[in-house]
Amino acid sequence: MEETKFIADAMLGKLSKWLRMLGCDTLYFRETKDDLLVACAVRENRQLLTRKTQLRKRNDIKGYLFFISDNDPFTQLGEVVKHYKLTTMPPAAFTRCLICNQMLKEISPDQIGSRLPDYVLTTQKHFSTCSRCKRIFWRGTHYENMKRALQRLPAPP
């Protein structure tokens, strides 16, 4: 089964991060015209997530559009999980950069050098990095908090 890919409008930046935590390929542009979002959704076979009622009325996006009704990003995530029947803790969880959407690559502590505090380097063993933005990720308390939050999501029907 092919993975569902998403593109989120400017009102859904936090939802984009939650979807990326699940490992979903989710594009997000802070400032992009609706016509470009629609064209990208159709061209790349992505589901366009939006809160804009104007987009809901367009006929050229039928089959590619999901209207998000709630204001709360975590509740929005629940809407998407339910609608697309996403797994709430898939094997791909935490494999994408939360900022860039790139797949993360494992990196050894030796390659990190002085980019992280000594405490992190001595208490953590596994690190990942984003090839685009160069951020480094590890499974500390922030990871545990995100994981617990995702586990609170209701399982899709």
Protein backbone atom coordinates (compact mmCIF):
# COMPACT_ATOMS: atom_id res chain seq x y z
CA MET A 1 0.00 0.00 0.00
CA GLU A 2 1.32 3.43 -0.97
CA GLU A 3 2.11 5.88 1.80
CA THR A 4 -0.21 8.89 2.07
CA LYS A 5 1.72 12.11 1.48
CA PHE A 6 0.50 15.48 2.67
CA ILE A 7 0.86 19.17 2.00
CA ALA A 8 -0.44 21.56 4.66
CA ASP A 9 -1.51 25.15 4.19
CA ALA A 10 -0.03 28.07 6.13
CA MET A 11 -2.49 27.65 9.02
CA LEU A 12 -1.26 24.14 9.85
CA GLY A 13 2.43 24.43 10.76
CA LYS A 14 2.12 22.62 14.11
CA LEU A 15 0.03 19.87 12.55
CA SER A 16 2.83 19.41 9.98
CA LYS A 17 5.31 18.75 12.79
CA TRP A 18 2.99 16.21 14.43
CA LEU A 19 2.56 14.38 11.11
CA ARG A 20 6.32 14.37 10.60
CA MET A 21 6.68 12.82 14.08
CA LEU A 22 4.55 9.96 12.76
CA GLY A 23 6.95 9.67 9.83
CA CYS A 24 4.50 11.12 7.29
CA ASP A 25 5.93 12.95 4.29
CA THR A 26 4.39 16.37 4.95
CA LEU A 27 5.25 19.52 3.03
CA TYR A 28 4.57 22.85 4.68
CA PHE A 29 5.14 26.33 3.32
CA ARG A 30 4.55 29.30 5.56
CA GLU A 31 3.79 31.62 2.63
CA THR A 32 2.55 30.00 -0.56
CA LYS A 33 -0.40 30.91 -2.75
CA ASP A 34 -3.34 28.52 -2.81
CA ASP A 35 -2.90 27.84 -6.54
CA LEU A 36 0.66 26.61 -5.92
CA LEU A 37 -0.48 24.35 -3.06
CA VAL A 38 -3.20 22.86 -5.27
CA ALA A 39 -0.79 22.34 -8.18
CA CYS A 40 1.74 20.66 -5.88
CA ALA A 41 -0.92 18.39 -4.34
CA VAL A 42 -2.10 17.21 -7.77
CA ARG A 43 1.39 16.93 -9.30
CA GLU A 44 2.87 14.99 -6.35
CA ASN A 45 -0.29 13.06 -5.40
CA ARG A 46 -0.43 14.67 -1.95
CA GLN A 47 -3.45 15.22 0.24
CA LEU A 48 -3.92 18.94 0.83
CA LEU A 49 -4.76 19.67 4.46
CA THR A 50 -6.43 23.02 4.97
CA ARG A 51 -8.56 25.18 7.24
CA LYS A 52 -9.42 27.57 4.40
CA THR A 53 -13.05 27.41 3.40
CA GLN A 54 -12.19 28.96 0.00
CA LEU A 55 -10.15 25.87 -0.91
CA ARG A 56 -13.06 23.64 0.08
CA LYS A 57 -15.17 25.22 -2.67
CA ARG A 58 -12.70 24.53 -5.49
CA ASN A 59 -13.56 21.78 -7.97
CA ASP A 60 -9.99 21.24 -9.20
CA ILE A 61 -8.85 19.76 -5.88
CA LYS A 62 -11.58 17.16 -5.31
CA GLY A 63 -10.06 13.92 -4.09
CA TYR A 64 -6.94 15.71 -2.85
CA LEU A 65 -8.42 17.87 -0.10
CA PHE A 66 -9.15 17.30 3.57
CA PHE A 67 -10.69 20.14 5.55
CA ILE A 68 -9.44 20.39 9.14
CA SER A 69 -12.17 21.60 11.47
CA ASP A 70 -10.43 22.05 14.84
CA ASN A 71 -8.07 24.81 15.98
CA ASP A 72 -5.96 22.64 18.31
CA PRO A 73 -2.97 21.03 16.51
CA PHE A 74 -3.14 17.76 18.48
CA THR A 75 -6.88 17.45 17.85
CA GLN A 76 -6.17 18.21 14.17
CA LEU A 77 -3.72 15.32 14.18
CA GLY A 78 -6.46 13.08 15.55
CA GLU A 79 -8.73 14.17 12.69
CA VAL A 80 -6.08 13.28 10.10
CA VAL A 81 -5.21 9.97 11.78
CA LYS A 82 -8.87 8.97 11.84
CA HIS A 83 -9.69 10.11 8.29
CA TYR A 84 -6.65 8.48 6.66
CA LYS A 85 -6.54 5.52 9.07
CA LEU A 86 -2.92 6.23 10.00
CA THR A 87 -1.05 4.07 12.48
CA THR A 88 -0.46 6.07 15.64
CA MET A 89 3.01 4.64 16.39
CA PRO A 90 4.27 3.31 13.05
CA PRO A 91 7.80 1.98 12.52
CA ALA A 92 8.53 5.21 10.60
CA ALA A 93 7.78 7.41 13.61
CA PHE A 94 10.58 9.88 14.39
CA THR A 95 12.40 9.28 11.10
CA ARG A 96 11.76 12.72 9.55
CA CYS A 97 13.14 16.14 10.37
CA LEU A 98 10.40 18.09 12.14
CA ILE A 99 11.56 21.28 10.41
CA CYS A 100 12.54 20.22 6.86
CA ASN A 101 10.60 16.98 6.30
CA GLN A 102 13.80 15.22 5.17
CA MET A 103 14.46 11.64 6.20
CA LEU A 104 16.90 11.56 9.12
CA LYS A 105 20.20 9.71 8.92
CA GLU A 106 22.01 8.09 11.81
CA ILE A 107 25.17 9.84 12.84
CA SER A 108 27.85 8.67 15.24
CA PRO A 109 28.73 10.76 18.31
CA ASP A 110 32.25 11.11 16.84
CA GLN A 111 30.82 13.06 13.89
CA ILE A 112 28.98 15.53 16.12
CA GLY A 113 32.02 17.09 17.76
CA SER A 114 31.17 20.13 19.87
CA ARG A 115 27.76 20.74 18.30
CA LEU A 116 25.96 19.40 21.41
CA PRO A 117 26.47 19.89 25.13
CA ASP A 118 28.74 17.34 26.85
CA TYR A 119 25.81 16.14 28.99
CA VAL A 120 23.86 15.08 25.89
CA LEU A 121 26.89 13.37 24.38
CA THR A 122 27.55 11.41 27.58
CA THR A 123 23.93 10.44 28.31
CA GLN A 124 22.76 9.57 24.78
CA LYS A 125 24.01 6.86 22.44
CA HIS A 126 21.93 7.27 19.29
CA PHE A 127 21.79 10.41 17.16
CA SER A 128 20.21 11.34 13.84
CA THR A 129 20.78 14.33 11.62
CA CYS A 130 18.97 16.14 8.84
CA SER A 131 20.99 16.50 5.65
CA ARG A 132 19.22 19.76 4.78
CA CYS A 133 19.13 21.86 7.96
CA LYS A 134 21.91 19.95 9.81
CA ARG A 135 19.90 19.71 13.05
CA ILE A 136 20.74 16.82 15.34
CA PHE A 137 18.08 14.71 17.03
CA TRP A 138 18.35 12.27 19.94
CA ARG A 139 15.90 10.38 22.10
CA GLY A 140 15.91 12.44 25.29
CA THR A 141 13.03 13.65 27.42
CA HIS A 142 11.52 15.63 24.51
CA TYR A 143 11.32 12.39 22.51
CA GLU A 144 9.66 10.57 25.41
CA ASN A 145 7.10 13.39 25.78
CA MET A 146 6.26 13.33 22.06
CA LYS A 147 5.99 9.53 22.12
CA ARG A 148 3.60 9.62 25.10
CA ALA A 149 1.48 12.23 23.34
CA LEU A 150 1.25 10.13 20.16
CA GLN A 151 0.26 7.09 22.22
CA ARG A 152 -2.73 9.08 23.55
CA LEU A 153 -4.17 9.31 20.04
CA PRO A 154 -7.17 7.08 19.51
CA ALA A 155 -6.41 4.19 17.16
CA PRO A 156 -8.11 4.54 13.77
CA PRO A 157 -11.19 2.36 13.19
